[in-house]
Amino acid sequence: MSSIWELAKQMTLAYWNGQFLPLETVQVSPLDRGYLFGDGVYEVLIAYNGQAFEAEAHFERLERSMNALQLTGGPDSALLREITRRLLASCFDETKSDAMTLYIQVTRGAETARRHDFPKTAAPCVLAFATPLKRITAERYAKGFSTVSAPDRRWLMGDVKSISLAGAILAHHQADQAGALECILLRDGLVTECSSSNVFIVKDGVIITSVADNRILNGISRRVVLRLAHENGWPAIERDFTEEELRQADEIWVTSTSKEVAPAVTLDGKAVGEGAPGPVWRKMRAAFDLLIDQTAKRNS
């Protein structure tokens, strides 16, 4: 009997280097630099009721990541919009899922041999596909989540959404082994981000998150949270904050495309604040949900 993933692949439409074809038929060269070196970038965006959420911000970040790696010849915004429209429509028609993710990856391509220098003739390889997403329920958010912490051992180009993810994978595994939602990363006494999320704290009603420099990825959900705080007049600042501030915070949140805005109620086995999602998170969650509803209704 076929596995669920095998069945999903059979009905999943993919974009691969100029063609739309079944995901299971995509063939990647073993000399692709993404496979050999992790030489590529990616984006993951979410769609609600078939409608992409903050798509332009994702496209802009993908372009920035390509520029940072001097990866030229990748898809432009017009092509990304067409890929997104067609793949999301196909996935929605097949599954009627109220939420789905779209994965887009661009590598530097493949040559005829393994070399560290940039290839002279290879063209970038572009892959994209959409899959249904089982969203975290409102009831689960209301209970809150556990988190753990670990040293940040990743490379110092954290602002590039690179497919070189070994450090992040190890941190995620640590969280998974502990039954936690996320692993919060620490470097030189400061909080950076999580294995695949950004992190916020709340202290005395003020929302605080790390500066978006080379140490962290400037997450799209992170930007949305800061925008919503500004629009609603809630105090929010971007600055370095310490491990001590993290452990003494009234609230801790993690934000990402798939986690949206999730409250942490424990960190390394100890309660965060009162040990329950806090009042500032509840306000932010309501504002975030309203924005999601507005996106979803565009396809009603």
C-alpha atoms as a PDB file:
ATOM      1  CA  MET A   1       0.000   0.000   0.000  1.00  0.00           C
ATOM      2  CA  SER A   2       1.288   3.463  -0.886  1.00  0.00           C
ATOM      3  CA  SER A   3       2.215   5.797   1.949  1.00  0.00           C
ATOM      4  CA  ILE A   4       0.352   9.070   2.441  1.00  0.00           C
ATOM      5  CA  TRP A   5       3.431  10.937   1.189  1.00  0.00           C
ATOM      6  CA  GLU A   6       3.626   8.782  -1.937  1.00  0.00           C
ATOM      7  CA  LEU A   7      -0.027   9.467  -2.659  1.00  0.00           C
ATOM      8  CA  ALA A   8       0.541  13.177  -2.059  1.00  0.00           C
ATOM      9  CA  LYS A   9       3.461  13.206  -4.493  1.00  0.00           C
ATOM     10  CA  GLN A  10       1.348  11.559  -7.167  1.00  0.00           C
ATOM     11  CA  MET A  11      -1.212  14.345  -7.060  1.00  0.00           C
ATOM     12  CA  THR A  12       1.194  17.226  -6.362  1.00  0.00           C
ATOM     13  CA  LEU A  13       1.942  19.538  -9.246  1.00  0.00           C
ATOM     14  CA  ALA A  14       5.464  20.978  -9.224  1.00  0.00           C
ATOM     15  CA  TYR A  15       7.339  23.648 -11.136  1.00  0.00           C
ATOM     16  CA  TRP A  16      10.760  22.476 -12.327  1.00  0.00           C
ATOM     17  CA  ASN A  17      12.967  24.606 -14.562  1.00  0.00           C
ATOM     18  CA  GLY A  18      10.258  26.040 -16.785  1.00  0.00           C
ATOM     19  CA  GLN A  19       7.806  23.148 -16.689  1.00  0.00           C
ATOM     20  CA  PHE A  20       4.791  22.206 -14.603  1.00  0.00           C
ATOM     21  CA  LEU A  21       4.817  18.453 -13.987  1.00  0.00           C
ATOM     22  CA  PRO A  22       4.043  15.891 -11.258  1.00  0.00           C
ATOM     23  CA  LEU A  23       6.399  16.221  -8.318  1.00  0.00           C
ATOM     24  CA  GLU A  24       7.241  12.510  -8.425  1.00  0.00           C
ATOM     25  CA  THR A  25       8.675  12.900 -11.939  1.00  0.00           C
ATOM     26  CA  VAL A  26      11.146  15.679 -11.056  1.00  0.00           C
ATOM     27  CA  GLN A  27      14.731  14.485 -11.473  1.00  0.00           C
ATOM     28  CA  VAL A  28      17.677  16.343  -9.954  1.00  0.00           C
ATOM     29  CA  SER A  29      21.270  15.864 -11.108  1.00  0.00           C
ATOM     30  CA  PRO A  30      23.665  14.463  -8.470  1.00  0.00           C
ATOM     31  CA  LEU A  31      25.988  17.283  -9.573  1.00  0.00           C
ATOM     32  CA  ASP A  32      23.458  19.963  -8.638  1.00  0.00           C
ATOM     33  CA  ARG A  33      25.272  22.410  -6.345  1.00  0.00           C
ATOM     34  CA  GLY A  34      22.350  22.393  -3.953  1.00  0.00           C
ATOM     35  CA  TYR A  35      22.955  18.689  -3.382  1.00  0.00           C
ATOM     36  CA  LEU A  36      26.758  18.922  -3.311  1.00  0.00           C
ATOM     37  CA  PHE A  37      27.305  22.179  -1.428  1.00  0.00           C
ATOM     38  CA  GLY A  38      23.959  23.423  -0.106  1.00  0.00           C
ATOM     39  CA  ASP A  39      24.528  26.196  -2.639  1.00  0.00           C
ATOM     40  CA  GLY A  40      21.041  27.615  -2.912  1.00  0.00           C
ATOM     41  CA  VAL A  41      18.228  29.516  -1.256  1.00  0.00           C
ATOM     42  CA  TYR A  42      14.579  28.905  -0.549  1.00  0.00           C
ATOM     43  CA  GLU A  43      11.302  30.381   0.623  1.00  0.00           C
ATOM     44  CA  VAL A  44       8.221  28.897   2.255  1.00  0.00           C
ATOM     45  CA  LEU A  45       5.012  30.870   2.102  1.00  0.00           C
ATOM     46  CA  ILE A  46       1.582  29.992   3.426  1.00  0.00           C
ATOM     47  CA  ALA A  47      -1.824  30.274   1.777  1.00  0.00           C
ATOM     48  CA  TYR A  48      -5.203  30.421   3.477  1.00  0.00           C
ATOM     49  CA  ASN A  49      -8.221  29.214   1.500  1.00  0.00           C
ATOM     50  CA  GLY A  50      -5.985  29.200  -1.570  1.00  0.00           C
ATOM     51  CA  GLN A  51      -4.796  32.795  -1.124  1.00  0.00           C
ATOM     52  CA  ALA A  52      -1.110  33.507  -0.549  1.00  0.00           C
ATOM     53  CA  PHE A  53      -0.273  35.394   2.654  1.00  0.00           C
ATOM     54  CA  GLU A  54       2.299  38.212   2.351  1.00  0.00           C
ATOM     55  CA  ALA A  55       3.561  36.752  -0.938  1.00  0.00           C
ATOM     56  CA  GLU A  56       5.368  39.874  -2.160  1.00  0.00           C
ATOM     57  CA  ALA A  57       7.425  40.020   1.027  1.00  0.00           C
ATOM     58  CA  HIS A  58       8.517  36.424   0.421  1.00  0.00           C
ATOM     59  CA  PHE A  59       9.451  37.181  -3.193  1.00  0.00           C
ATOM     60  CA  GLU A  60      11.508  40.201  -2.135  1.00  0.00           C
ATOM     61  CA  ARG A  61      13.338  38.149   0.484  1.00  0.00           C
ATOM     62  CA  LEU A  62      14.069  35.381  -2.021  1.00  0.00           C
ATOM     63  CA  GLU A  63      15.607  37.961  -4.357  1.00  0.00           C
ATOM     64  CA  ARG A  64      17.661  39.371  -1.494  1.00  0.00           C
ATOM     65  CA  SER A  65      18.937  35.901  -0.584  1.00  0.00           C
ATOM     66  CA  MET A  66      19.907  35.215  -4.204  1.00  0.00           C
ATOM     67  CA  ASN A  67      21.742  38.532  -4.389  1.00  0.00           C
ATOM     68  CA  ALA A  68      23.594  37.803  -1.144  1.00  0.00           C
ATOM     69  CA  LEU A  69      24.902  34.529  -2.606  1.00  0.00           C
ATOM     70  CA  GLN A  70      25.586  36.168  -6.005  1.00  0.00           C
ATOM     71  CA  LEU A  71      23.127  33.699  -7.492  1.00  0.00           C
ATOM     72  CA  THR A  72      22.051  35.227 -10.799  1.00  0.00           C
ATOM     73  CA  GLY A  73      19.489  34.178 -13.378  1.00  0.00           C
ATOM     74  CA  GLY A  74      16.843  33.015 -10.922  1.00  0.00           C
ATOM     75  CA  PRO A  75      13.093  33.608 -11.267  1.00  0.00           C
ATOM     76  CA  ASP A  76      11.845  37.192 -11.371  1.00  0.00           C
ATOM     77  CA  SER A  77       8.743  38.471  -9.565  1.00  0.00           C
ATOM     78  CA  ALA A  78       6.439  37.922 -12.537  1.00  0.00           C
ATOM     79  CA  LEU A  79       7.447  34.262 -12.828  1.00  0.00           C
ATOM     80  CA  LEU A  80       7.172  33.758  -9.067  1.00  0.00           C
ATOM     81  CA  ARG A  81       3.635  35.149  -9.128  1.00  0.00           C
ATOM     82  CA  GLU A  82       2.646  32.779 -11.936  1.00  0.00           C
ATOM     83  CA  ILE A  83       4.259  29.787 -10.211  1.00  0.00           C
ATOM     84  CA  THR A  84       2.499  30.683  -6.966  1.00  0.00           C
ATOM     85  CA  ARG A  85      -0.883  31.212  -8.602  1.00  0.00           C
ATOM     86  CA  ARG A  86      -0.824  27.966 -10.551  1.00  0.00           C
ATOM     87  CA  LEU A  87       0.568  25.688  -7.838  1.00  0.00           C
ATOM     88  CA  LEU A  88      -1.709  27.019  -5.111  1.00  0.00           C
ATOM     89  CA  ALA A  89      -4.735  26.742  -7.384  1.00  0.00           C
ATOM     90  CA  SER A  90      -3.831  23.146  -8.255  1.00  0.00           C
ATOM     91  CA  CYS A  91      -3.299  22.161  -4.617  1.00  0.00           C
ATOM     92  CA  PHE A  92      -6.507  23.876  -3.515  1.00  0.00           C
ATOM     93  CA  ASP A  93      -8.529  22.216  -6.278  1.00  0.00           C
ATOM     94  CA  GLU A  94      -7.132  18.803  -5.306  1.00  0.00           C
ATOM     95  CA  THR A  95      -7.426  19.063  -1.527  1.00  0.00           C
ATOM     96  CA  LYS A  96      -9.764  21.962  -0.642  1.00  0.00           C
ATOM     97  CA  SER A  97      -7.388  22.477   2.289  1.00  0.00           C
ATOM     98  CA  ASP A  98      -7.955  25.677   4.252  1.00  0.00           C
ATOM     99  CA  ALA A  99      -4.180  26.075   4.572  1.00  0.00           C
ATOM    100  CA  MET A 100      -1.210  25.038   2.461  1.00  0.00           C
ATOM    101  CA  THR A 101       2.447  25.863   2.078  1.00  0.00           C
ATOM    102  CA  LEU A 102       4.382  26.662  -1.079  1.00  0.00           C
ATOM    103  CA  TYR A 103       8.065  25.733  -1.135  1.00  0.00           C
ATOM    104  CA  ILE A 104      10.358  27.517  -3.616  1.00  0.00           C
ATOM    105  CA  GLN A 105      14.030  26.584  -4.008  1.00  0.00           C
ATOM    106  CA  VAL A 106      16.709  28.022  -6.279  1.00  0.00           C
ATOM    107  CA  THR A 107      20.154  26.419  -6.554  1.00  0.00           C
ATOM    108  CA  ARG A 108      23.128  27.534  -8.622  1.00  0.00           C
ATOM    109  CA  GLY A 109      22.550  24.537 -10.904  1.00  0.00           C
ATOM    110  CA  ALA A 110      24.795  21.706 -12.086  1.00  0.00           C
ATOM    111  CA  GLU A 111      27.973  21.416 -14.143  1.00  0.00           C
ATOM    112  CA  THR A 112      29.865  18.347 -15.330  1.00  0.00           C
ATOM    113  CA  ALA A 113      32.156  18.092 -12.287  1.00  0.00           C
ATOM    114  CA  ARG A 114      32.289  18.999  -8.608  1.00  0.00           C
ATOM    115  CA  ARG A 115      34.116  22.324  -8.267  1.00  0.00           C
ATOM    116  CA  HIS A 116      34.033  24.994  -5.580  1.00  0.00           C
ATOM    117  CA  ASP A 117      34.313  27.885  -8.039  1.00  0.00           C
ATOM    118  CA  PHE A 118      31.111  29.272  -9.526  1.00  0.00           C
ATOM    119  CA  PRO A 119      30.039  27.302 -12.606  1.00  0.00           C
ATOM    120  CA  LYS A 120      30.668  29.030 -15.922  1.00  0.00           C
ATOM    121  CA  THR A 121      27.780  27.530 -17.872  1.00  0.00           C
ATOM    122  CA  ALA A 122      25.233  26.119 -15.421  1.00  0.00           C
ATOM    123  CA  ALA A 123      21.819  27.745 -15.152  1.00  0.00           C
ATOM    124  CA  PRO A 124      19.988  27.977 -11.804  1.00  0.00           C
ATOM    125  CA  CYS A 125      17.625  25.123 -10.973  1.00  0.00           C
ATOM    126  CA  VAL A 126      14.207  26.228  -9.742  1.00  0.00           C
ATOM    127  CA  LEU A 127      11.837  23.913  -7.890  1.00  0.00           C
ATOM    128  CA  ALA A 128       8.471  24.756  -6.361  1.00  0.00           C
ATOM    129  CA  PHE A 129       5.522  22.767  -5.052  1.00  0.00           C
ATOM    130  CA  ALA A 130       2.529  23.269  -2.780  1.00  0.00           C
ATOM    131  CA  THR A 131       1.262  20.885  -0.093  1.00  0.00           C
ATOM    132  CA  PRO A 132      -1.636  20.976   2.389  1.00  0.00           C
ATOM    133  CA  LEU A 133      -0.836  22.165   5.902  1.00  0.00           C
ATOM    134  CA  LYS A 134      -2.525  21.071   9.106  1.00  0.00           C
ATOM    135  CA  ARG A 135      -2.670  24.309  11.070  1.00  0.00           C
ATOM    136  CA  ILE A 136      -2.179  24.491  14.805  1.00  0.00           C
ATOM    137  CA  THR A 137      -5.631  24.743  16.366  1.00  0.00           C
ATOM    138  CA  ALA A 138      -6.884  27.676  18.412  1.00  0.00           C
ATOM    139  CA  GLU A 139      -7.277  25.321  21.368  1.00  0.00           C
ATOM    140  CA  ARG A 140      -3.645  24.259  21.129  1.00  0.00           C
ATOM    141  CA  TYR A 141      -2.431  27.865  20.919  1.00  0.00           C
ATOM    142  CA  ALA A 142      -4.491  28.670  24.018  1.00  0.00           C
ATOM    143  CA  LYS A 143      -2.595  26.040  26.021  1.00  0.00           C
ATOM    144  CA  GLY A 144       0.819  27.341  24.997  1.00  0.00           C
ATOM    145  CA  PHE A 145       3.995  25.470  24.138  1.00  0.00           C
ATOM    146  CA  SER A 146       7.266  24.392  25.687  1.00  0.00           C
ATOM    147  CA  THR A 147      10.644  25.580  24.401  1.00  0.00           C
ATOM    148  CA  VAL A 148      14.265  24.729  25.069  1.00  0.00           C
ATOM    149  CA  SER A 149      17.472  26.696  24.551  1.00  0.00           C
ATOM    150  CA  ALA A 150      20.866  25.918  23.025  1.00  0.00           C
ATOM    151  CA  PRO A 151      24.013  27.697  21.803  1.00  0.00           C
ATOM    152  CA  ASP A 152      23.683  29.196  18.337  1.00  0.00           C
ATOM    153  CA  ARG A 153      26.314  27.317  16.305  1.00  0.00           C
ATOM    154  CA  ARG A 154      25.122  28.302  12.835  1.00  0.00           C
ATOM    155  CA  TRP A 155      26.996  30.356  10.250  1.00  0.00           C
ATOM    156  CA  LEU A 156      27.003  34.148  10.445  1.00  0.00           C
ATOM    157  CA  MET A 157      24.840  34.776   7.381  1.00  0.00           C
ATOM    158  CA  GLY A 158      21.621  34.106   9.224  1.00  0.00           C
ATOM    159  CA  ASP A 159      19.853  36.804   7.210  1.00  0.00           C
ATOM    160  CA  VAL A 160      20.138  34.631   4.078  1.00  0.00           C
ATOM    161  CA  LYS A 161      17.504  31.916   3.730  1.00  0.00           C
ATOM    162  CA  SER A 162      20.040  29.326   2.639  1.00  0.00           C
ATOM    163  CA  ILE A 163      19.355  25.624   2.150  1.00  0.00           C
ATOM    164  CA  SER A 164      22.498  24.930   4.245  1.00  0.00           C
ATOM    165  CA  LEU A 165      20.530  24.065   7.369  1.00  0.00           C
ATOM    166  CA  ALA A 166      22.617  21.575   9.354  1.00  0.00           C
ATOM    167  CA  GLY A 167      22.850  23.820  12.436  1.00  0.00           C
ATOM    168  CA  ALA A 168      19.145  24.576  12.393  1.00  0.00           C
ATOM    169  CA  ILE A 169      18.291  20.893  11.943  1.00  0.00           C
ATOM    170  CA  LEU A 170      20.355  19.922  14.989  1.00  0.00           C
ATOM    171  CA  ALA A 171      18.629  22.601  17.075  1.00  0.00           C
ATOM    172  CA  HIS A 172      15.222  21.483  15.862  1.00  0.00           C
ATOM    173  CA  HIS A 173      16.090  17.885  16.758  1.00  0.00           C
ATOM    174  CA  GLN A 174      16.969  18.979  20.289  1.00  0.00           C
ATOM    175  CA  ALA A 175      13.532  20.592  20.611  1.00  0.00           C
ATOM    176  CA  ASP A 176      11.845  17.545  19.120  1.00  0.00           C
ATOM    177  CA  GLN A 177      13.627  15.195  21.530  1.00  0.00           C
ATOM    178  CA  ALA A 178      12.394  17.317  24.432  1.00  0.00           C
ATOM    179  CA  GLY A 179       8.821  17.435  23.120  1.00  0.00           C
ATOM    180  CA  ALA A 180       9.158  21.182  22.624  1.00  0.00           C
ATOM    181  CA  LEU A 181       7.857  23.413  19.859  1.00  0.00           C
ATOM    182  CA  GLU A 182      11.144  25.247  19.346  1.00  0.00           C
ATOM    183  CA  CYS A 183      14.763  25.633  20.368  1.00  0.00           C
ATOM    184  CA  ILE A 184      15.732  29.221  21.203  1.00  0.00           C
ATOM    185  CA  LEU A 185      19.316  29.991  20.204  1.00  0.00           C
ATOM    186  CA  LEU A 186      21.870  31.955  22.254  1.00  0.00           C
ATOM    187  CA  ARG A 187      25.115  33.547  21.096  1.00  0.00           C
ATOM    188  CA  ASP A 188      27.542  35.558  23.241  1.00  0.00           C
ATOM    189  CA  GLY A 189      24.934  35.959  25.965  1.00  0.00           C
ATOM    190  CA  LEU A 190      22.308  37.304  23.556  1.00  0.00           C
ATOM    191  CA  VAL A 191      19.188  35.762  22.069  1.00  0.00           C
ATOM    192  CA  THR A 192      19.255  35.427  18.281  1.00  0.00           C
ATOM    193  CA  GLU A 193      16.280  33.398  17.012  1.00  0.00           C
ATOM    194  CA  CYS A 194      15.043  29.784  16.978  1.00  0.00           C
ATOM    195  CA  SER A 195      15.813  26.777  14.795  1.00  0.00           C
ATOM    196  CA  SER A 196      13.165  27.881  12.278  1.00  0.00           C
ATOM    197  CA  SER A 197      11.380  30.794  13.921  1.00  0.00           C
ATOM    198  CA  ASN A 198      11.932  34.264  15.274  1.00  0.00           C
ATOM    199  CA  VAL A 199      11.517  34.964  18.971  1.00  0.00           C
ATOM    200  CA  PHE A 200       9.822  37.784  20.869  1.00  0.00           C
ATOM    201  CA  ILE A 201       9.636  38.561  24.565  1.00  0.00           C
ATOM    202  CA  VAL A 202       7.248  40.810  26.447  1.00  0.00           C
ATOM    203  CA  LYS A 203       8.333  42.666  29.564  1.00  0.00           C
ATOM    204  CA  ASP A 204       6.091  45.140  31.396  1.00  0.00           C
ATOM    205  CA  GLY A 205       3.829  45.318  28.341  1.00  0.00           C
ATOM    206  CA  VAL A 206       6.625  46.088  25.861  1.00  0.00           C
ATOM    207  CA  ILE A 207       7.164  43.728  22.900  1.00  0.00           C
ATOM    208  CA  ILE A 208      10.867  43.128  22.222  1.00  0.00           C
ATOM    209  CA  THR A 209      12.600  41.212  19.424  1.00  0.00           C
ATOM    210  CA  SER A 210      16.176  40.897  18.226  1.00  0.00           C
ATOM    211  CA  VAL A 211      17.623  43.297  15.682  1.00  0.00           C
ATOM    212  CA  ALA A 212      17.308  41.957  12.115  1.00  0.00           C
ATOM    213  CA  ASP A 213      20.983  41.991  11.189  1.00  0.00           C
ATOM    214  CA  ASN A 214      23.159  39.180   9.833  1.00  0.00           C
ATOM    215  CA  ARG A 215      22.532  37.036  12.915  1.00  0.00           C
ATOM    216  CA  ILE A 216      18.882  36.297  12.186  1.00  0.00           C
ATOM    217  CA  LEU A 217      16.456  35.819   9.330  1.00  0.00           C
ATOM    218  CA  ASN A 218      14.027  38.712   9.101  1.00  0.00           C
ATOM    219  CA  GLY A 219      10.941  36.520   9.182  1.00  0.00           C
ATOM    220  CA  ILE A 220       7.798  37.545   7.338  1.00  0.00           C
ATOM    221  CA  SER A 221       5.628  36.714  10.373  1.00  0.00           C
ATOM    222  CA  ARG A 222       8.092  38.708  12.470  1.00  0.00           C
ATOM    223  CA  ARG A 223       7.515  41.713  10.220  1.00  0.00           C
ATOM    224  CA  VAL A 224       3.750  41.249  10.380  1.00  0.00           C
ATOM    225  CA  VAL A 225       3.827  41.194  14.191  1.00  0.00           C
ATOM    226  CA  LEU A 226       5.855  44.413  14.307  1.00  0.00           C
ATOM    227  CA  ARG A 227       3.502  46.021  11.777  1.00  0.00           C
ATOM    228  CA  LEU A 228       0.426  45.021  13.748  1.00  0.00           C
ATOM    229  CA  ALA A 229       1.972  46.354  16.940  1.00  0.00           C
ATOM    230  CA  HIS A 230       2.636  49.691  15.230  1.00  0.00           C
ATOM    231  CA  GLU A 231      -0.862  49.850  13.721  1.00  0.00           C
ATOM    232  CA  ASN A 232      -2.494  49.153  17.088  1.00  0.00           C
ATOM    233  CA  GLY A 233      -0.256  51.433  19.142  1.00  0.00           C
ATOM    234  CA  TRP A 234       1.291  48.607  21.170  1.00  0.00           C
ATOM    235  CA  PRO A 235       4.880  49.386  22.271  1.00  0.00           C
ATOM    236  CA  ALA A 236       7.361  47.260  20.328  1.00  0.00           C
ATOM    237  CA  ILE A 237      11.110  47.646  19.874  1.00  0.00           C
ATOM    238  CA  GLU A 238      13.882  45.858  18.004  1.00  0.00           C
ATOM    239  CA  ARG A 239      17.026  45.537  20.089  1.00  0.00           C
ATOM    240  CA  ASP A 240      19.471  42.978  21.391  1.00  0.00           C
ATOM    241  CA  PHE A 241      18.237  41.251  24.508  1.00  0.00           C
ATOM    242  CA  THR A 242      20.059  38.921  26.842  1.00  0.00           C
ATOM    243  CA  GLU A 243      19.561  35.347  27.948  1.00  0.00           C
ATOM    244  CA  GLU A 244      18.740  36.705  31.402  1.00  0.00           C
ATOM    245  CA  GLU A 245      16.004  38.921  29.933  1.00  0.00           C
ATOM    246  CA  LEU A 246      14.639  35.909  28.068  1.00  0.00           C
ATOM    247  CA  ARG A 247      14.420  33.857  31.253  1.00  0.00           C
ATOM    248  CA  GLN A 248      12.801  36.710  33.186  1.00  0.00           C
ATOM    249  CA  ALA A 249      10.307  37.668  30.458  1.00  0.00           C
ATOM    250  CA  ASP A 250       6.596  37.953  31.187  1.00  0.00           C
ATOM    251  CA  GLU A 251       5.834  36.341  27.819  1.00  0.00           C
ATOM    252  CA  ILE A 252       7.781  34.568  25.079  1.00  0.00           C
ATOM    253  CA  TRP A 253       6.483  34.097  21.531  1.00  0.00           C
ATOM    254  CA  VAL A 254       7.887  32.343  18.496  1.00  0.00           C
ATOM    255  CA  THR A 255       6.808  33.371  15.021  1.00  0.00           C
ATOM    256  CA  SER A 256       7.102  31.684  11.634  1.00  0.00           C
ATOM    257  CA  THR A 257       5.078  30.923   8.523  1.00  0.00           C
ATOM    258  CA  SER A 258       3.757  27.620   9.871  1.00  0.00           C
ATOM    259  CA  LYS A 259       3.716  28.466  13.607  1.00  0.00           C
ATOM    260  CA  GLU A 260       2.189  31.920  13.003  1.00  0.00           C
ATOM    261  CA  VAL A 261       2.405  33.530  16.488  1.00  0.00           C
ATOM    262  CA  ALA A 262       2.825  30.858  19.148  1.00  0.00           C
ATOM    263  CA  PRO A 263       3.160  31.489  22.915  1.00  0.00           C
ATOM    264  CA  ALA A 264       5.794  29.654  24.944  1.00  0.00           C
ATOM    265  CA  VAL A 265       4.691  28.801  28.486  1.00  0.00           C
ATOM    266  CA  THR A 266       7.866  26.974  29.529  1.00  0.00           C
ATOM    267  CA  LEU A 267      11.558  27.388  28.733  1.00  0.00           C
ATOM    268  CA  ASP A 268      13.943  24.587  29.651  1.00  0.00           C
ATOM    269  CA  GLY A 269      11.295  23.141  31.955  1.00  0.00           C
ATOM    270  CA  LYS A 270      10.598  26.374  33.866  1.00  0.00           C
ATOM    271  CA  ALA A 271       7.454  28.472  33.610  1.00  0.00           C
ATOM    272  CA  VAL A 272       7.450  31.597  31.459  1.00  0.00           C
ATOM    273  CA  GLY A 273       5.700  34.374  33.408  1.00  0.00           C
ATOM    274  CA  GLU A 274       2.518  32.922  34.871  1.00  0.00           C
ATOM    275  CA  GLY A 275       2.956  29.694  32.915  1.00  0.00           C
ATOM    276  CA  ALA A 276       0.122  30.504  30.505  1.00  0.00           C
ATOM    277  CA  PRO A 277      -0.268  32.565  27.320  1.00  0.00           C
ATOM    278  CA  GLY A 278      -0.185  36.210  28.332  1.00  0.00           C
ATOM    279  CA  PRO A 279      -2.491  39.162  27.702  1.00  0.00           C
ATOM    280  CA  VAL A 280      -0.256  40.862  25.121  1.00  0.00           C
ATOM    281  CA  TRP A 281      -0.065  37.636  23.111  1.00  0.00           C
ATOM    282  CA  ARG A 282      -3.866  37.326  23.185  1.00  0.00           C
ATOM    283  CA  LYS A 283      -4.205  40.805  21.674  1.00  0.00           C
ATOM    284  CA  MET A 284      -1.583  40.097  19.034  1.00  0.00           C
ATOM    285  CA  ARG A 285      -3.101  36.715  18.220  1.00  0.00           C
ATOM    286  CA  ALA A 286      -6.508  38.300  17.649  1.00  0.00           C
ATOM    287  CA  ALA A 287      -5.006  40.895  15.299  1.00  0.00           C
ATOM    288  CA  PHE A 288      -3.037  38.218  13.442  1.00  0.00           C
ATOM    289  CA  ASP A 289      -6.144  36.036  13.073  1.00  0.00           C
ATOM    290  CA  LEU A 290      -8.070  38.971  11.648  1.00  0.00           C
ATOM    291  CA  LEU A 291      -5.393  39.449   9.007  1.00  0.00           C
ATOM    292  CA  ILE A 292      -5.543  35.744   8.137  1.00  0.00           C
ATOM    293  CA  ASP A 293      -9.337  35.920   7.841  1.00  0.00           C
ATOM    294  CA  GLN A 294      -9.060  38.889   5.498  1.00  0.00           C
ATOM    295  CA  THR A 295      -6.633  36.923   3.304  1.00  0.00           C
ATOM    296  CA  ALA A 296      -8.826  33.799   3.255  1.00  0.00           C
ATOM    297  CA  LYS A 297     -11.971  35.730   2.334  1.00  0.00           C
ATOM    298  CA  ARG A 298     -10.385  36.898  -0.921  1.00  0.00           C
ATOM    299  CA  ASN A 299     -11.170  33.426  -2.305  1.00  0.00           C
ATOM    300  CA  SER A 300     -14.709  33.208  -0.913  1.00  0.00           C
END
